[in-house]
């Protein structure tokens, strides 16, 4: 079974976005990247 979850596919983009979003909106709203890691446990 192949399961593609969006978290692993989007996590690097979200990390990158957390760096350039403050440039767009300024420092009024804090932006922090929080890694989600895997949602599944493999046995």
C-alpha atoms as a PDB file:
ATOM      1  CA  UNK A   1       0.000   0.000   0.000  1.00  0.00           C
ATOM      2  CA  UNK A   2       1.362   3.418  -0.959  1.00  0.00           C
ATOM      3  CA  UNK A   3       0.083   6.309   1.093  1.00  0.00           C
ATOM      4  CA  UNK A   4       1.131   9.817   0.146  1.00  0.00           C
ATOM      5  CA  UNK A   5       0.400  12.130   3.009  1.00  0.00           C
ATOM      6  CA  UNK A   6       0.507  15.854   2.493  1.00  0.00           C
ATOM      7  CA  UNK A   7       2.593  16.536   5.586  1.00  0.00           C
ATOM      8  CA  UNK A   8       5.804  15.049   4.189  1.00  0.00           C
ATOM      9  CA  UNK A   9       5.250  16.722   0.838  1.00  0.00           C
ATOM     10  CA  UNK A  10       4.519  20.184   2.204  1.00  0.00           C
ATOM     11  CA  UNK A  11       6.785  20.418   5.218  1.00  0.00           C
ATOM     12  CA  UNK A  12       9.850  21.808   3.407  1.00  0.00           C
ATOM     13  CA  UNK A  13       7.696  24.390   1.656  1.00  0.00           C
ATOM     14  CA  UNK A  14       6.176  25.478   4.941  1.00  0.00           C
ATOM     15  CA  UNK A  15       9.649  25.809   6.457  1.00  0.00           C
ATOM     16  CA  UNK A  16      10.685  28.013   3.547  1.00  0.00           C
ATOM     17  CA  UNK A  17       7.459  30.028   3.730  1.00  0.00           C
ATOM     18  CA  UNK A  18       8.028  30.752   7.416  1.00  0.00           C
ATOM     19  CA  UNK A  19      11.127  32.699   6.382  1.00  0.00           C
ATOM     20  CA  UNK A  20       9.580  34.892   3.664  1.00  0.00           C
ATOM     21  CA  UNK A  21       6.114  35.522   5.124  1.00  0.00           C
ATOM     22  CA  UNK A  22       7.497  38.011   7.686  1.00  0.00           C
ATOM     23  CA  UNK A  23       8.962  39.981   4.769  1.00  0.00           C
ATOM     24  CA  UNK A  24       5.444  40.359   3.348  1.00  0.00           C
ATOM     25  CA  UNK A  25       3.523  41.168   6.530  1.00  0.00           C
ATOM     26  CA  UNK A  26       6.236  42.674   8.714  1.00  0.00           C
ATOM     27  CA  UNK A  27       7.078  41.821  12.297  1.00  0.00           C
ATOM     28  CA  UNK A  28       3.615  42.581  13.695  1.00  0.00           C
ATOM     29  CA  UNK A  29       2.526  38.927  13.514  1.00  0.00           C
ATOM     30  CA  UNK A  30       5.051  36.283  14.644  1.00  0.00           C
ATOM     31  CA  UNK A  31       5.587  33.395  12.214  1.00  0.00           C
ATOM     32  CA  UNK A  32       7.067  30.134  13.503  1.00  0.00           C
ATOM     33  CA  UNK A  33       7.664  26.851  11.695  1.00  0.00           C
ATOM     34  CA  UNK A  34       6.647  23.787  13.715  1.00  0.00           C
ATOM     35  CA  UNK A  35       7.583  20.433  12.118  1.00  0.00           C
ATOM     36  CA  UNK A  36       4.706  17.965  12.041  1.00  0.00           C
ATOM     37  CA  UNK A  37       6.748  14.785  11.468  1.00  0.00           C
ATOM     38  CA  UNK A  38       5.023  11.556  10.389  1.00  0.00           C
ATOM     39  CA  UNK A  39       1.412  10.967  11.374  1.00  0.00           C
ATOM     40  CA  UNK A  40       1.625   7.198  10.907  1.00  0.00           C
ATOM     41  CA  UNK A  41       3.440   4.597  13.006  1.00  0.00           C
ATOM     42  CA  UNK A  42       5.013   1.794  10.997  1.00  0.00           C
ATOM     43  CA  UNK A  43       5.435  -1.696  12.343  1.00  0.00           C
END
